[in-house]
Amino acid sequence: MDRQDALIRLTNTQINNLTQDININLRNIEKLRTELEELKADYAEMIVASRKNQSTQNKLMFILSSRNFWQAYKRISYMKQYASYRKKQGTQIKEKTITLQQYNAELLKKRKEKEQLIITNRMAQQELDTIKIEQNKLVDELKRKEKSYSLQIIKKQKQSDAIDKEINRIIREAIAASNKKAGKNSLNFVLTPEAKALAASFSSNRGKLPWPVEKGVVSQRFGTQRHPVVRTTTIKSNGVSISVPPGSEARSIFKGKVLNIVQFKGSNPIVLIQHGNYITSYKNLSRVYVNKGDNVNSKQPIGIVFTNNENNKTVLQFSLFQNTTPQNPANWLYQMK
């Protein structure tokens, strides 16, 4: 719709410019016609006077009747100048006639251009009106269904919150297990020297970590935001959603160990991978390649992303935690910002 508006503004500007050019041409044509009529009138008077005295005898008598040689010379010069002036007048009439014809031709061309632009403008306006009508219909339809959509979004948000709560519970249980093993009491992972080194390596790669898919586009970002369709509804995400081609594989973003593979009611399998005190979560898989306790490497495929047959969308939901605190993946993955 913005393009149609821009096209209409452009054609209106061009029409206005052409109208100005046409008006200038009309003034020039009128001026030339006046000058041409004056030249023709002068030329006609000159021709009449010339015919009255056009005989060779009259010209000769005019010269011979001179009182002296100097007067005869002046009369001969006058006759030459008069003949030259007649020729010049004829040339001017011819040139102004040609110029007038050119102005007329240019005027005709610009009028045709203006007519074509008006047609183009009218078509663009009709197309814009059609788009606006369709847009208004869509807006009205969305408004009618907004409540229904909002309820669906709220329902999905509750499901997502429940899954995030379960993931948080699993991570807390893993933290408790590490504490029990180390004989300590902490809200965070108690790490072995090897796990500390892994966590430090993971942290040092902040902003340089590979994406959890080979190719994809972020369709939902981290944090609280307005729903992209129902703008009156707010949604919250502990990670990012990445739209990928059907059949795409999910892959580990760093070396680590499969902490758990879980599937909750109403969801597809989820793989949790531990990297020291960092946990990465890969949701919405249709098939899983790894098992709980497996060691994985960076970019190693861990499963296939699920494709929804109803809307043909293939979306991986990826989250990253430091202990139990959600992190914005855009701060960690390479050029996600």
Protein backbone atom coordinates (compact mmCIF):
# COMPACT_ATOMS: atom_id res chain seq x y z
CA MET A 1 0.00 0.00 0.00
CA ASP A 2 2.90 2.39 0.73
CA ARG A 3 4.27 1.68 -2.76
CA GLN A 4 0.90 2.50 -4.33
CA ASP A 5 0.76 5.78 -2.38
CA ALA A 6 4.29 6.61 -3.53
CA LEU A 7 3.37 5.80 -7.15
CA ILE A 8 0.29 8.04 -7.00
CA ARG A 9 2.31 10.92 -5.49
CA LEU A 10 4.96 10.47 -8.18
CA THR A 11 2.47 10.45 -11.06
CA ASN A 12 0.69 13.49 -9.58
CA THR A 13 4.01 15.33 -9.51
CA GLN A 14 4.73 14.30 -13.10
CA ILE A 15 1.24 15.39 -14.20
CA ASN A 16 1.75 18.78 -12.51
CA ASN A 17 5.14 19.19 -14.19
CA LEU A 18 3.67 18.28 -17.57
CA THR A 19 0.79 20.72 -17.02
CA GLN A 20 3.33 23.49 -16.36
CA ASP A 21 5.27 22.52 -19.51
CA ILE A 22 2.04 22.50 -21.54
CA ASN A 23 1.09 25.95 -20.24
CA ILE A 24 4.58 27.28 -21.09
CA ASN A 25 4.27 25.79 -24.58
CA LEU A 26 0.84 27.35 -25.02
CA ARG A 27 2.22 30.79 -24.09
CA ASN A 28 5.18 30.30 -26.44
CA ILE A 29 2.85 29.22 -29.25
CA GLU A 30 0.62 32.26 -28.73
CA LYS A 31 3.64 34.55 -28.71
CA LEU A 32 5.03 32.96 -31.88
CA ARG A 33 1.68 33.20 -33.62
CA THR A 34 1.49 36.94 -32.83
CA GLU A 35 5.06 37.49 -34.07
CA LEU A 36 4.35 35.42 -37.16
CA GLU A 37 1.20 37.38 -37.97
CA GLU A 38 3.13 40.66 -37.60
CA LEU A 39 5.94 39.37 -39.82
CA LYS A 40 3.46 38.19 -42.44
CA ALA A 41 1.66 41.55 -42.39
CA ASP A 42 4.94 43.47 -42.79
CA TYR A 43 6.04 41.09 -45.49
CA ALA A 44 2.71 41.50 -47.35
CA GLU A 45 3.02 45.29 -47.30
CA MET A 46 6.57 44.98 -48.55
CA ILE A 47 5.50 42.69 -51.40
CA VAL A 48 2.73 45.10 -52.47
CA ALA A 49 5.12 48.04 -52.48
CA SER A 50 7.70 45.97 -54.30
CA ARG A 51 5.27 44.97 -57.05
CA LYS A 52 4.36 48.61 -57.69
CA ASN A 53 7.99 49.31 -58.39
CA GLN A 54 9.19 45.96 -59.62
CA SER A 55 9.92 46.82 -63.25
CA THR A 56 13.54 47.22 -64.32
CA GLN A 57 12.63 50.56 -65.95
CA ASN A 58 11.29 51.97 -62.68
CA LYS A 59 14.43 50.83 -60.82
CA LEU A 60 16.68 52.32 -63.53
CA MET A 61 14.73 55.61 -63.57
CA PHE A 62 14.98 55.74 -59.78
CA ILE A 63 18.78 55.54 -60.05
CA LEU A 64 19.17 57.85 -63.11
CA SER A 65 16.99 60.55 -61.54
CA SER A 66 19.65 61.06 -58.88
CA ARG A 67 21.05 64.60 -58.64
CA ASN A 68 24.61 63.37 -58.36
CA PHE A 69 26.76 60.25 -58.20
CA TRP A 70 26.69 60.04 -54.43
CA GLN A 71 22.88 60.05 -54.39
CA ALA A 72 22.82 57.36 -57.11
CA TYR A 73 25.22 55.23 -55.01
CA LYS A 74 23.00 55.59 -51.91
CA ARG A 75 19.91 54.64 -53.93
CA ILE A 76 21.65 51.50 -55.26
CA SER A 77 22.72 50.59 -51.67
CA TYR A 78 19.13 51.16 -50.44
CA MET A 79 17.77 48.84 -53.14
CA LYS A 80 20.27 46.14 -52.12
CA GLN A 81 19.41 46.56 -48.42
CA TYR A 82 15.70 46.46 -49.22
CA ALA A 83 16.16 43.21 -51.16
CA SER A 84 18.24 41.77 -48.30
CA TYR A 85 15.58 42.82 -45.77
CA ARG A 86 12.87 41.11 -47.81
CA LYS A 87 14.94 37.93 -47.89
CA LYS A 88 15.57 38.16 -44.12
CA GLN A 89 11.84 38.66 -43.46
CA GLY A 90 11.04 35.59 -45.52
CA THR A 91 13.67 33.54 -43.64
CA GLN A 92 12.28 34.68 -40.25
CA ILE A 93 8.76 33.73 -41.29
CA LYS A 94 10.01 30.29 -42.33
CA GLU A 95 11.99 29.78 -39.10
CA LYS A 96 9.16 30.91 -36.83
CA THR A 97 6.75 28.68 -38.74
CA ILE A 98 9.06 25.69 -38.17
CA THR A 99 9.47 26.60 -34.47
CA LEU A 100 5.70 26.93 -34.14
CA GLN A 101 5.26 23.48 -35.70
CA GLN A 102 7.84 22.04 -33.27
CA TYR A 103 6.04 23.60 -30.27
CA ASN A 104 2.76 22.18 -31.53
CA ALA A 105 4.31 18.70 -31.95
CA GLU A 106 5.88 18.88 -28.46
CA LEU A 107 2.59 20.09 -27.02
CA LEU A 108 0.76 17.15 -28.60
CA LYS A 109 3.39 14.73 -27.21
CA LYS A 110 3.18 16.17 -23.69
CA ARG A 111 -0.61 16.05 -23.78
CA LYS A 112 -0.43 12.35 -24.69
CA GLU A 113 2.08 11.77 -21.87
CA LYS A 114 -0.24 13.57 -19.46
CA GLU A 115 -3.22 11.48 -20.59
CA GLN A 116 -1.18 8.28 -20.09
CA LEU A 117 -0.05 9.40 -16.64
CA ILE A 118 -3.64 10.21 -15.70
CA ILE A 119 -4.66 6.69 -16.79
CA THR A 120 -1.75 5.19 -14.78
CA ASN A 121 -2.68 7.33 -11.78
CA ARG A 122 -6.33 6.29 -12.01
CA MET A 123 -5.36 2.59 -12.18
CA ALA A 124 -2.97 2.97 -9.23
CA GLN A 125 -5.67 4.76 -7.25
CA GLN A 126 -8.17 1.99 -8.03
CA GLU A 127 -5.63 -0.65 -6.98
CA LEU A 128 -4.90 1.30 -3.78
CA ASP A 129 -8.62 1.56 -3.04
CA THR A 130 -8.94 -2.21 -3.55
CA ILE A 131 -5.99 -2.85 -1.20
CA LYS A 132 -7.49 -0.53 1.41
CA ILE A 133 -10.84 -2.30 1.15
CA GLU A 134 -9.17 -5.70 1.58
CA GLN A 135 -7.07 -4.38 4.43
CA ASN A 136 -10.11 -2.95 6.17
CA LYS A 137 -11.90 -6.28 5.72
CA LEU A 138 -8.91 -8.07 7.24
CA VAL A 139 -8.78 -5.60 10.14
CA ASP A 140 -12.51 -6.02 10.74
CA GLU A 141 -12.12 -9.79 10.59
CA LEU A 142 -9.22 -9.66 13.05
CA LYS A 143 -11.22 -7.44 15.37
CA ARG A 144 -14.12 -9.89 15.30
CA LYS A 145 -11.79 -12.79 15.98
CA GLU A 146 -9.41 -10.90 18.25
CA LYS A 147 -10.99 -12.23 21.41
CA SER A 148 -10.81 -15.79 20.11
CA TYR A 149 -7.19 -15.30 18.98
CA SER A 150 -6.30 -13.73 22.32
CA LEU A 151 -7.72 -16.72 24.18
CA GLN A 152 -5.73 -19.09 21.94
CA ILE A 153 -2.55 -17.07 22.49
CA ILE A 154 -3.11 -16.99 26.25
CA LYS A 155 -3.67 -20.74 26.21
CA LYS A 156 -0.43 -21.34 24.29
CA GLN A 157 1.38 -18.96 26.63
CA LYS A 158 0.17 -20.98 29.63
CA GLN A 159 1.37 -24.19 27.97
CA SER A 160 4.74 -22.57 27.24
CA ASP A 161 4.99 -21.28 30.83
CA ALA A 162 4.19 -24.78 32.14
CA ILE A 163 6.95 -26.29 29.99
CA ASP A 164 9.42 -23.60 31.09
CA LYS A 165 8.45 -24.34 34.70
CA GLU A 166 9.17 -28.05 34.18
CA ILE A 167 12.52 -27.26 32.55
CA ASN A 168 13.37 -25.02 35.49
CA ARG A 169 12.44 -27.90 37.83
CA ILE A 170 14.69 -30.33 35.95
CA ILE A 171 17.60 -27.86 36.09
CA ARG A 172 17.06 -27.31 39.83
CA GLU A 173 17.06 -31.07 40.37
CA ALA A 174 20.36 -31.31 38.47
CA ILE A 175 21.77 -28.49 40.61
CA ALA A 176 20.61 -30.29 43.77
CA ALA A 177 22.27 -33.49 42.56
CA SER A 178 25.57 -31.67 41.95
CA ASN A 179 25.33 -30.10 45.41
CA LYS A 180 24.62 -33.45 47.06
CA LYS A 181 27.54 -35.05 45.26
CA ALA A 182 29.88 -32.25 46.37
CA GLY A 183 28.43 -32.15 49.87
CA LYS A 184 27.43 -28.48 49.52
CA ASN A 185 24.27 -26.42 49.61
CA SER A 186 23.94 -23.86 46.81
CA LEU A 187 21.36 -22.53 44.37
CA ASN A 188 23.87 -22.94 41.53
CA PHE A 189 25.79 -25.87 40.06
CA VAL A 190 28.77 -27.05 42.06
CA LEU A 191 31.25 -27.75 39.29
CA THR A 192 34.16 -30.12 39.03
CA PRO A 193 37.44 -28.67 37.66
CA GLU A 194 36.58 -30.11 34.23
CA ALA A 195 33.06 -28.62 34.33
CA LYS A 196 34.50 -25.23 35.41
CA ALA A 197 36.86 -25.27 32.43
CA LEU A 198 33.96 -26.15 30.11
CA ALA A 199 31.81 -23.34 31.53
CA ALA A 200 34.69 -20.87 31.19
CA SER A 201 35.21 -21.92 27.56
CA PHE A 202 31.50 -21.57 26.89
CA SER A 203 31.42 -18.09 28.46
CA SER A 204 34.50 -16.95 26.52
CA ASN A 205 32.63 -17.69 23.29
CA ARG A 206 29.80 -15.30 24.13
CA GLY A 207 28.60 -13.69 20.87
CA LYS A 208 30.53 -16.23 18.78
CA LEU A 209 28.56 -19.43 19.39
CA PRO A 210 27.03 -21.12 16.32
CA TRP A 211 23.28 -21.14 15.76
CA PRO A 212 21.34 -24.28 16.81
CA VAL A 213 20.35 -24.75 13.13
CA GLU A 214 22.34 -24.42 9.93
CA LYS A 215 19.88 -21.98 8.33
CA GLY A 216 16.99 -20.08 9.86
CA VAL A 217 15.24 -16.79 10.61
CA VAL A 218 14.29 -15.55 14.09
CA SER A 219 10.49 -15.38 14.18
CA GLN A 220 10.14 -14.58 17.90
CA ARG A 221 12.68 -12.88 20.09
CA PHE A 222 13.57 -13.19 23.76
CA GLY A 223 11.59 -11.46 26.49
CA THR A 224 8.19 -9.78 26.83
CA GLN A 225 6.75 -8.42 23.58
CA ARG A 226 3.53 -7.72 21.73
CA HIS A 227 2.11 -10.56 19.67
CA PRO A 228 3.01 -9.97 15.98
CA VAL A 229 -0.64 -10.38 14.85
CA VAL A 230 -2.85 -9.53 17.84
CA ARG A 231 -1.06 -6.39 19.00
CA THR A 232 -3.24 -6.00 22.09
CA THR A 233 -1.92 -9.27 23.51
CA THR A 234 1.47 -9.55 25.24
CA ILE A 235 3.59 -12.69 25.11
CA LYS A 236 6.73 -13.74 26.93
CA SER A 237 9.52 -15.99 25.73
CA ASN A 238 12.45 -17.46 27.69
CA GLY A 239 14.28 -18.00 24.40
CA VAL A 240 13.97 -17.45 20.66
CA SER A 241 11.91 -19.15 17.98
CA ILE A 242 13.77 -19.86 14.73
CA SER A 243 11.85 -20.68 11.55
CA VAL A 244 13.69 -23.21 9.39
CA PRO A 245 13.06 -25.22 6.19
CA PRO A 246 11.16 -28.51 6.68
CA GLY A 247 13.45 -31.41 7.52
CA SER A 248 16.07 -29.20 9.19
CA GLU A 249 18.22 -30.63 11.95
CA ALA A 250 18.79 -29.09 15.37
CA ARG A 251 22.43 -29.08 16.51
CA SER A 252 24.30 -28.47 19.73
CA ILE A 253 25.81 -24.98 19.93
CA PHE A 254 28.77 -26.18 22.05
CA LYS A 255 30.31 -29.34 23.39
CA GLY A 256 28.59 -30.71 26.47
CA LYS A 257 26.55 -33.55 27.92
CA VAL A 258 22.88 -34.41 27.36
CA LEU A 259 21.29 -33.53 30.69
CA ASN A 260 17.84 -34.87 29.85
CA ILE A 261 15.35 -35.61 27.08
CA VAL A 262 11.82 -34.77 28.11
CA GLN A 263 8.37 -34.59 26.57
CA PHE A 264 5.44 -32.98 28.31
CA LYS A 265 1.75 -33.25 27.56
CA GLY A 266 0.92 -31.20 24.43
CA SER A 267 4.55 -30.74 23.43
CA ASN A 268 7.17 -32.42 21.25
CA PRO A 269 10.47 -33.82 22.59
CA ILE A 270 12.91 -31.39 24.22
CA VAL A 271 16.66 -31.96 24.55
CA LEU A 272 18.59 -30.29 27.41
CA ILE A 273 22.38 -30.11 27.09
CA GLN A 274 24.66 -29.09 29.96
CA HIS A 275 27.83 -27.03 29.38
CA GLY A 276 29.22 -26.62 32.89
CA ASN A 277 26.80 -24.28 34.66
CA TYR A 278 25.11 -23.37 31.33
CA ILE A 279 22.12 -25.28 29.94
CA THR A 280 20.82 -25.10 26.36
CA SER A 281 17.29 -26.22 25.51
CA TYR A 282 16.11 -27.43 22.07
CA LYS A 283 12.30 -27.61 21.90
CA ASN A 284 9.87 -28.88 19.26
CA LEU A 285 11.73 -31.85 17.83
CA SER A 286 10.05 -34.62 15.87
CA ARG A 287 12.96 -37.02 16.18
CA VAL A 288 15.89 -37.20 18.63
CA TYR A 289 19.32 -38.63 17.74
CA VAL A 290 20.90 -38.58 21.23
CA ASN A 291 20.29 -40.17 24.62
CA LYS A 292 20.50 -38.89 28.17
CA GLY A 293 24.15 -38.87 29.33
CA ASP A 294 25.64 -38.71 25.79
CA ASN A 295 28.56 -36.38 25.21
CA VAL A 296 28.04 -34.10 22.22
CA ASN A 297 30.29 -31.80 20.22
CA SER A 298 29.71 -28.32 18.84
CA LYS A 299 27.42 -28.37 15.74
CA GLN A 300 26.61 -32.05 16.28
CA PRO A 301 23.06 -32.85 15.03
CA ILE A 302 20.82 -33.89 17.93
CA GLY A 303 17.45 -34.29 16.16
CA ILE A 304 15.01 -33.14 13.48
CA VAL A 305 12.82 -30.05 13.97
CA PHE A 306 9.08 -30.78 13.95
CA THR A 307 6.97 -29.54 11.00
CA ASN A 308 3.35 -28.61 11.71
CA ASN A 309 1.24 -30.13 8.93
CA GLU A 310 -1.60 -27.68 9.52
CA ASN A 311 0.39 -24.53 8.75
CA ASN A 312 3.52 -26.15 7.26
CA LYS A 313 5.70 -24.24 9.74
CA THR A 314 8.97 -25.68 11.04
CA VAL A 315 10.11 -23.80 14.15
CA LEU A 316 12.84 -24.60 16.67
CA GLN A 317 12.42 -23.03 20.12
CA PHE A 318 15.85 -22.46 21.59
CA SER A 319 16.67 -21.33 25.14
CA LEU A 320 19.85 -20.76 27.11
CA PHE A 321 20.21 -20.73 30.92
CA GLN A 322 22.99 -19.87 33.32
CA ASN A 323 22.07 -22.16 36.19
CA THR A 324 18.29 -21.42 36.28
CA THR A 325 18.42 -17.87 34.90
CA PRO A 326 17.24 -17.46 31.28
CA GLN A 327 19.73 -15.69 29.01
CA ASN A 328 19.00 -13.79 25.80
CA PRO A 329 20.35 -16.04 23.01
CA ALA A 330 20.92 -12.96 20.83
CA ASN A 331 23.77 -12.00 23.18
CA TRP A 332 25.42 -15.38 22.78
CA LEU A 333 24.87 -16.61 19.22
CA TYR A 334 26.88 -15.26 16.31
CA GLN A 335 25.27 -12.21 14.67
CA MET A 336 21.78 -12.98 15.96
CA LYS A 337 21.32 -9.32 16.92
